[in-house]
PDB file of all heavy atoms in Angstrom:
ATOM      1  N   GLU A   1      19.395  -5.868  -1.710  1.00  0.00           N
ATOM      2  CA  GLU A   1      19.298  -5.544  -0.295  1.00  0.00           C
ATOM      3  C   GLU A   1      20.700  -5.270   0.330  1.00  0.00           C
ATOM      4  O   GLU A   1      20.914  -4.274   1.028  1.00  0.00           O
ATOM      5  CB  GLU A   1      18.595  -6.653   0.500  1.00  0.00           C
ATOM      6  CG  GLU A   1      17.115  -6.824   0.116  1.00  0.00           C
ATOM      7  CD  GLU A   1      16.867  -7.582  -1.165  1.00  0.00           C
ATOM      8  OE1 GLU A   1      17.861  -8.075  -1.775  1.00  0.00           O
ATOM      9  OE2 GLU A   1      15.721  -7.664  -1.585  1.00  0.00           O
ATOM     10  N   ASN A   2      21.630  -6.184   0.058  1.00  0.00           N
ATOM     11  CA  ASN A   2      23.010  -6.020   0.602  1.00  0.00           C
ATOM     12  C   ASN A   2      23.687  -4.747   0.102  1.00  0.00           C
ATOM     13  O   ASN A   2      24.346  -4.011   0.855  1.00  0.00           O
ATOM     14  CB  ASN A   2      23.873  -7.216   0.279  1.00  0.00           C
ATOM     15  CG  ASN A   2      23.455  -8.464   1.049  1.00  0.00           C
ATOM     16  OD1 ASN A   2      22.806  -8.344   2.083  1.00  0.00           O
ATOM     17  ND2 ASN A   2      23.820  -9.641   0.576  1.00  0.00           N
ATOM     18  N   GLN A   3      23.540  -4.510  -1.216  1.00  0.00           N
ATOM     19  CA  GLN A   3      24.153  -3.294  -1.803  1.00  0.00           C
ATOM     20  C   GLN A   3      23.546  -2.034  -1.198  1.00  0.00           C
ATOM     21  O   GLN A   3      24.285  -1.049  -0.970  1.00  0.00           O
ATOM     22  CB  GLN A   3      23.960  -3.316  -3.344  1.00  0.00           C
ATOM     23  CG  GLN A   3      24.709  -4.476  -3.979  1.00  0.00           C
ATOM     24  CD  GLN A   3      24.507  -4.476  -5.472  1.00  0.00           C
ATOM     25  OE1 GLN A   3      24.067  -3.523  -6.068  1.00  0.00           O
ATOM     26  NE2 GLN A   3      24.916  -5.587  -6.135  1.00  0.00           N
ATOM     27  N   THR A   4      22.245  -2.031  -0.949  1.00  0.00           N
ATOM     28  CA  THR A   4      21.601  -0.854  -0.356  1.00  0.00           C
ATOM     29  C   THR A   4      22.190  -0.567   1.022  1.00  0.00           C
ATOM     30  O   THR A   4      22.494   0.569   1.358  1.00  0.00           O
ATOM     31  CB  THR A   4      20.064  -1.098  -0.250  1.00  0.00           C
ATOM     32  OG1 THR A   4      19.564  -1.343  -1.583  1.00  0.00           O
ATOM     33  CG2 THR A   4      19.370   0.120   0.332  1.00  0.00           C
ATOM     34  N   LEU A   5      22.372  -1.611   1.819  1.00  0.00           N
ATOM     35  CA  LEU A   5      22.888  -1.431   3.169  1.00  0.00           C
ATOM     36  C   LEU A   5      24.349  -0.967   3.129  1.00  0.00           C
ATOM     37  O   LEU A   5      24.753  -0.124   3.947  1.00  0.00           O
ATOM     38  CB  LEU A   5      22.763  -2.737   3.967  1.00  0.00           C
ATOM     39  CG  LEU A   5      21.329  -3.183   4.273  1.00  0.00           C
ATOM     40  CD1 LEU A   5      21.318  -4.542   4.964  1.00  0.00           C
ATOM     41  CD2 LEU A   5      20.614  -2.147   5.125  1.00  0.00           C
ATOM     42  N   GLU A   6      25.134  -1.480   2.190  1.00  0.00           N
ATOM     43  CA  GLU A   6      26.519  -1.060   2.032  1.00  0.00           C
ATOM     44  C   GLU A   6      26.591   0.444   1.669  1.00  0.00           C
ATOM     45  O   GLU A   6      27.430   1.165   2.150  1.00  0.00           O
ATOM     46  CB  GLU A   6      27.237  -1.916   0.972  1.00  0.00           C
ATOM     47  CG  GLU A   6      27.502  -3.337   1.436  1.00  0.00           C
ATOM     48  CD  GLU A   6      27.888  -4.234   0.265  1.00  0.00           C
ATOM     49  OE1 GLU A   6      27.938  -3.765  -0.910  1.00  0.00           O
ATOM     50  OE2 GLU A   6      28.200  -5.420   0.510  1.00  0.00           O
ATOM     51  N   LEU A   7      25.703   0.804   0.766  1.00  0.00           N
ATOM     52  CA  LEU A   7      25.688   2.227   0.317  1.00  0.00           C
ATOM     53  C   LEU A   7      25.257   3.140   1.448  1.00  0.00           C
ATOM     54  O   LEU A   7      25.802   4.221   1.619  1.00  0.00           O
ATOM     55  CB  LEU A   7      24.725   2.359  -0.883  1.00  0.00           C
ATOM     56  CG  LEU A   7      24.644   3.715  -1.574  1.00  0.00           C
ATOM     57  CD1 LEU A   7      26.038   4.173  -2.012  1.00  0.00           C
ATOM     58  CD2 LEU A   7      23.716   3.650  -2.785  1.00  0.00           C
ATOM     59  N   LEU A   8      24.303   2.706   2.241  1.00  0.00           N
ATOM     60  CA  LEU A   8      23.836   3.486   3.381  1.00  0.00           C
ATOM     61  C   LEU A   8      24.984   3.684   4.387  1.00  0.00           C
ATOM     62  O   LEU A   8      25.161   4.798   4.916  1.00  0.00           O
ATOM     63  CB  LEU A   8      22.670   2.770   4.059  1.00  0.00           C
ATOM     64  CG  LEU A   8      21.925   3.544   5.123  1.00  0.00           C
ATOM     65  CD1 LEU A   8      21.223   4.777   4.571  1.00  0.00           C
ATOM     66  CD2 LEU A   8      20.888   2.622   5.807  1.00  0.00           C
ATOM     67  N   GLN A   9      25.742   2.627   4.614  1.00  0.00           N
ATOM     68  CA  GLN A   9      26.880   2.742   5.528  1.00  0.00           C
ATOM     69  C   GLN A   9      27.953   3.725   5.030  1.00  0.00           C
ATOM     70  O   GLN A   9      28.493   4.527   5.768  1.00  0.00           O
ATOM     71  CB  GLN A   9      27.562   1.349   5.703  1.00  0.00           C
ATOM     72  CG  GLN A   9      28.727   1.308   6.700  1.00  0.00           C
ATOM     73  CD  GLN A   9      28.303   1.740   8.067  1.00  0.00           C
ATOM     74  OE1 GLN A   9      27.353   1.223   8.635  1.00  0.00           O
ATOM     75  NE2 GLN A   9      29.012   2.723   8.601  1.00  0.00           N
ATOM     76  N   LEU A  10      28.160   3.702   3.702  1.00  0.00           N
ATOM     77  CA  LEU A  10      29.148   4.628   3.109  1.00  0.00           C
ATOM     78  C   LEU A  10      28.657   6.068   3.268  1.00  0.00           C
ATOM     79  O   LEU A  10      29.461   6.975   3.526  1.00  0.00           O
ATOM     80  CB  LEU A  10      29.336   4.277   1.640  1.00  0.00           C
ATOM     81  CG  LEU A  10      30.477   4.948   0.921  1.00  0.00           C
ATOM     82  CD1 LEU A  10      31.821   4.558   1.546  1.00  0.00           C
ATOM     83  CD2 LEU A  10      30.515   4.563  -0.559  1.00  0.00           C
ATOM     84  N   LEU A  11      27.339   6.290   3.118  1.00  0.00           N
ATOM     85  CA  LEU A  11      26.801   7.635   3.292  1.00  0.00           C
ATOM     86  C   LEU A  11      26.907   8.112   4.725  1.00  0.00           C
ATOM     87  O   LEU A  11      27.055   9.297   4.980  1.00  0.00           O
ATOM     88  CB  LEU A  11      25.359   7.670   2.784  1.00  0.00           C
ATOM     89  CG  LEU A  11      24.704   9.068   2.683  1.00  0.00           C
ATOM     90  CD1 LEU A  11      25.382   9.880   1.606  1.00  0.00           C
ATOM     91  CD2 LEU A  11      23.195   8.935   2.385  1.00  0.00           C
ATOM     92  N   ARG A  12      26.858   7.182   5.669  1.00  0.00           N
ATOM     93  CA  ARG A  12      27.037   7.540   7.075  1.00  0.00           C
ATOM     94  C   ARG A  12      28.460   8.108   7.298  1.00  0.00           C
ATOM     95  O   ARG A  12      28.643   9.024   8.086  1.00  0.00           O
ATOM     96  CB  ARG A  12      26.875   6.305   7.961  1.00  0.00           C
ATOM     97  CG  ARG A  12      25.431   5.904   8.219  1.00  0.00           C
ATOM     98  CD  ARG A  12      25.366   4.871   9.358  1.00  0.00           C
ATOM     99  NE  ARG A  12      24.001   4.427   9.545  1.00  0.00           N
ATOM    100  CZ  ARG A  12      23.557   3.232   9.191  1.00  0.00           C
ATOM    101  NH1 ARG A  12      24.371   2.391   8.602  1.00  0.00           N
ATOM    102  NH2 ARG A  12      22.301   2.898   9.401  1.00  0.00           N
ATOM    103  N   ASP A  13      29.421   7.505   6.602  1.00  0.00           N
ATOM    104  CA  ASP A  13      30.836   7.883   6.793  1.00  0.00           C
ATOM    105  C   ASP A  13      31.289   9.030   5.927  1.00  0.00           C
ATOM    106  O   ASP A  13      32.254   9.691   6.220  1.00  0.00           O
ATOM    107  CB  ASP A  13      31.734   6.645   6.497  1.00  0.00           C
ATOM    108  CG  ASP A  13      31.446   5.487   7.402  1.00  0.00           C
ATOM    109  OD1 ASP A  13      30.889   5.731   8.485  1.00  0.00           O
ATOM    110  OD2 ASP A  13      31.710   4.331   7.007  1.00  0.00           O
ATOM    111  N   ASN A  14      30.581   9.274   4.793  1.00  0.00           N
ATOM    112  CA  ASN A  14      30.976  10.326   3.858  1.00  0.00           C
ATOM    113  C   ASN A  14      29.746  11.119   3.384  1.00  0.00           C
ATOM    114  O   ASN A  14      28.771  10.501   2.942  1.00  0.00           O
ATOM    115  CB  ASN A  14      31.633   9.696   2.592  1.00  0.00           C
ATOM    116  CG  ASN A  14      32.880   8.937   2.934  1.00  0.00           C
ATOM    117  OD1 ASN A  14      33.958   9.472   3.008  1.00  0.00           O
ATOM    118  ND2 ASN A  14      32.716   7.634   3.156  1.00  0.00           N
ATOM    119  N   ARG A  15      29.854  12.399   3.410  1.00  0.00           N
ATOM    120  CA  ARG A  15      28.738  13.186   2.935  1.00  0.00           C
ATOM    121  C   ARG A  15      28.728  13.316   1.417  1.00  0.00           C
ATOM    122  O   ARG A  15      27.763  13.815   0.825  1.00  0.00           O
ATOM    123  CB  ARG A  15      28.774  14.583   3.554  1.00  0.00           C
ATOM    124  CG  ARG A  15      28.288  14.548   5.039  1.00  0.00           C
ATOM    125  CD  ARG A  15      28.042  15.956   5.488  1.00  0.00           C
ATOM    126  NE  ARG A  15      27.370  15.934   6.759  1.00  0.00           N
ATOM    127  CZ  ARG A  15      26.943  17.001   7.394  1.00  0.00           C
ATOM    128  NH1 ARG A  15      27.093  18.179   6.828  1.00  0.00           N
ATOM    129  NH2 ARG A  15      26.343  16.908   8.534  1.00  0.00           N
ATOM    130  N   PHE A  16      29.851  12.907   0.793  1.00  0.00           N
ATOM    131  CA  PHE A  16      29.917  12.863  -0.682  1.00  0.00           C
ATOM    132  C   PHE A  16      30.171  11.455  -1.105  1.00  0.00           C
ATOM    133  O   PHE A  16      31.200  10.825  -0.719  1.00  0.00           O
ATOM    134  CB  PHE A  16      31.028  13.781  -1.197  1.00  0.00           C
ATOM    135  CG  PHE A  16      31.070  13.904  -2.699  1.00  0.00           C
ATOM    136  CD1 PHE A  16      30.429  14.938  -3.347  1.00  0.00           C
ATOM    137  CD2 PHE A  16      31.718  12.944  -3.456  1.00  0.00           C
ATOM    138  CE1 PHE A  16      30.439  15.013  -4.743  1.00  0.00           C
ATOM    139  CE2 PHE A  16      31.761  13.013  -4.850  1.00  0.00           C
ATOM    140  CZ  PHE A  16      31.090  14.073  -5.485  1.00  0.00           C
ATOM    141  N   VAL A  17      29.290  10.860  -1.901  1.00  0.00           N
ATOM    142  CA  VAL A  17      29.433   9.468  -2.322  1.00  0.00           C
ATOM    143  C   VAL A  17      29.284   9.377  -3.828  1.00  0.00           C
ATOM    144  O   VAL A  17      28.407   9.956  -4.413  1.00  0.00           O
ATOM    145  CB  VAL A  17      28.357   8.563  -1.621  1.00  0.00           C
ATOM    146  CG1 VAL A  17      28.371   7.151  -2.214  1.00  0.00           C
ATOM    147  CG2 VAL A  17      28.578   8.534  -0.144  1.00  0.00           C
ATOM    148  N   GLY A  18      30.230   8.663  -4.461  1.00  0.00           N
ATOM    149  CA  GLY A  18      30.130   8.387  -5.911  1.00  0.00           C
ATOM    150  C   GLY A  18      29.726   6.938  -6.126  1.00  0.00           C
ATOM    151  O   GLY A  18      30.432   6.018  -5.755  1.00  0.00           O
ATOM    152  N   VAL A  19      28.549   6.736  -6.711  1.00  0.00           N
ATOM    153  CA  VAL A  19      28.094   5.362  -7.070  1.00  0.00           C
ATOM    154  C   VAL A  19      28.529   5.104  -8.483  1.00  0.00           C
ATOM    155  O   VAL A  19      27.996   5.715  -9.425  1.00  0.00           O
ATOM    156  CB  VAL A  19      26.547   5.254  -6.898  1.00  0.00           C
ATOM    157  CG1 VAL A  19      26.090   3.848  -7.284  1.00  0.00           C
ATOM    158  CG2 VAL A  19      26.171   5.586  -5.445  1.00  0.00           C
ATOM    159  N   ILE A  20      29.480   4.210  -8.661  1.00  0.00           N
ATOM    160  CA  ILE A  20      30.142   3.998  -9.953  1.00  0.00           C
ATOM    161  C   ILE A  20      29.785   2.618 -10.454  1.00  0.00           C
ATOM    162  O   ILE A  20      29.797   1.639  -9.677  1.00  0.00           O
ATOM    163  CB  ILE A  20      31.677   4.110  -9.820  1.00  0.00           C
ATOM    164  CG1 ILE A  20      32.085   5.335  -8.979  1.00  0.00           C
ATOM    165  CG2 ILE A  20      32.325   4.152 -11.165  1.00  0.00           C
ATOM    166  CD1 ILE A  20      31.745   6.689  -9.552  1.00  0.00           C
ATOM    167  N   GLY A  21      29.520   2.461 -11.732  1.00  0.00           N
ATOM    168  CA  GLY A  21      29.243   1.143 -12.276  1.00  0.00           C
ATOM    169  C   GLY A  21      29.119   1.198 -13.830  1.00  0.00           C
ATOM    170  O   GLY A  21      29.006   2.280 -14.371  1.00  0.00           O
ATOM    171  N   THR A  22      29.170   0.058 -14.412  1.00  0.00           N
ATOM    172  CA  THR A  22      29.005   0.024 -15.891  1.00  0.00           C
ATOM    173  C   THR A  22      27.601   0.404 -16.275  1.00  0.00           C
ATOM    174  O   THR A  22      26.681   0.427 -15.446  1.00  0.00           O
ATOM    175  CB  THR A  22      29.264  -1.425 -16.387  1.00  0.00           C
ATOM    176  OG1 THR A  22      28.427  -2.320 -15.664  1.00  0.00           O
ATOM    177  CG2 THR A  22      30.694  -1.863 -16.187  1.00  0.00           C
ATOM    178  N   SER A  23      27.426   0.749 -17.546  1.00  0.00           N
ATOM    179  CA  SER A  23      26.084   1.042 -18.043  1.00  0.00           C
ATOM    180  C   SER A  23      25.202  -0.197 -17.841  1.00  0.00           C
ATOM    181  O   SER A  23      25.557  -1.291 -18.206  1.00  0.00           O
ATOM    182  CB  SER A  23      26.174   1.356 -19.542  1.00  0.00           C
ATOM    183  OG  SER A  23      24.875   1.465 -20.097  1.00  0.00           O
ATOM    184  N   GLY A  24      24.061  -0.007 -17.201  1.00  0.00           N
ATOM    185  CA  GLY A  24      23.133  -1.101 -16.966  1.00  0.00           C
ATOM    186  C   GLY A  24      23.356  -1.866 -15.683  1.00  0.00           C
ATOM    187  O   GLY A  24      22.710  -2.855 -15.435  1.00  0.00           O
ATOM    188  N   SER A  25      24.263  -1.351 -14.826  1.00  0.00           N
ATOM    189  CA  SER A  25      24.494  -2.079 -13.572  1.00  0.00           C
ATOM    190  C   SER A  25      23.482  -1.709 -12.475  1.00  0.00           C
ATOM    191  O   SER A  25      23.506  -2.284 -11.390  1.00  0.00           O
ATOM    192  CB  SER A  25      25.932  -1.769 -13.071  1.00  0.00           C
ATOM    193  OG  SER A  25      26.116  -0.369 -12.918  1.00  0.00           O
ATOM    194  N   GLY A  26      22.566  -0.796 -12.761  1.00  0.00           N
ATOM    195  CA  GLY A  26      21.515  -0.442 -11.827  1.00  0.00           C
ATOM    196  C   GLY A  26      21.825   0.668 -10.881  1.00  0.00           C
ATOM    197  O   GLY A  26      21.243   0.746  -9.790  1.00  0.00           O
ATOM    198  N   LYS A  27      22.714   1.602 -11.264  1.00  0.00           N
ATOM    199  CA  LYS A  27      23.099   2.710 -10.374  1.00  0.00           C
ATOM    200  C   LYS A  27      21.912   3.559  -9.966  1.00  0.00           C
ATOM    201  O   LYS A  27      21.698   3.837  -8.790  1.00  0.00           O
ATOM    202  CB  LYS A  27      24.138   3.598 -11.069  1.00  0.00           C
ATOM    203  CG  LYS A  27      25.421   2.876 -11.527  1.00  0.00           C
ATOM    204  CD  LYS A  27      26.360   3.811 -12.256  1.00  0.00           C
ATOM    205  CE  LYS A  27      25.858   4.240 -13.628  1.00  0.00           C
ATOM    206  NZ  LYS A  27      25.725   3.146 -14.592  1.00  0.00           N
ATOM    207  N   SER A  28      21.171   3.993 -10.972  1.00  0.00           N
ATOM    208  CA  SER A  28      20.028   4.915 -10.687  1.00  0.00           C
ATOM    209  C   SER A  28      19.002   4.260  -9.816  1.00  0.00           C
ATOM    210  O   SER A  28      18.491   4.850  -8.879  1.00  0.00           O
ATOM    211  CB  SER A  28      19.397   5.360 -12.013  1.00  0.00           C
ATOM    212  OG  SER A  28      20.309   6.119 -12.769  1.00  0.00           O
TER     213      SER A  28
END
């Protein structure tokens, strides 16, 4: 839940967002 809200905030500020993480970190 917290990560989703943080990502949403980032998308508000930037129209291009890179979600970066290790294999298996749940990016998709």
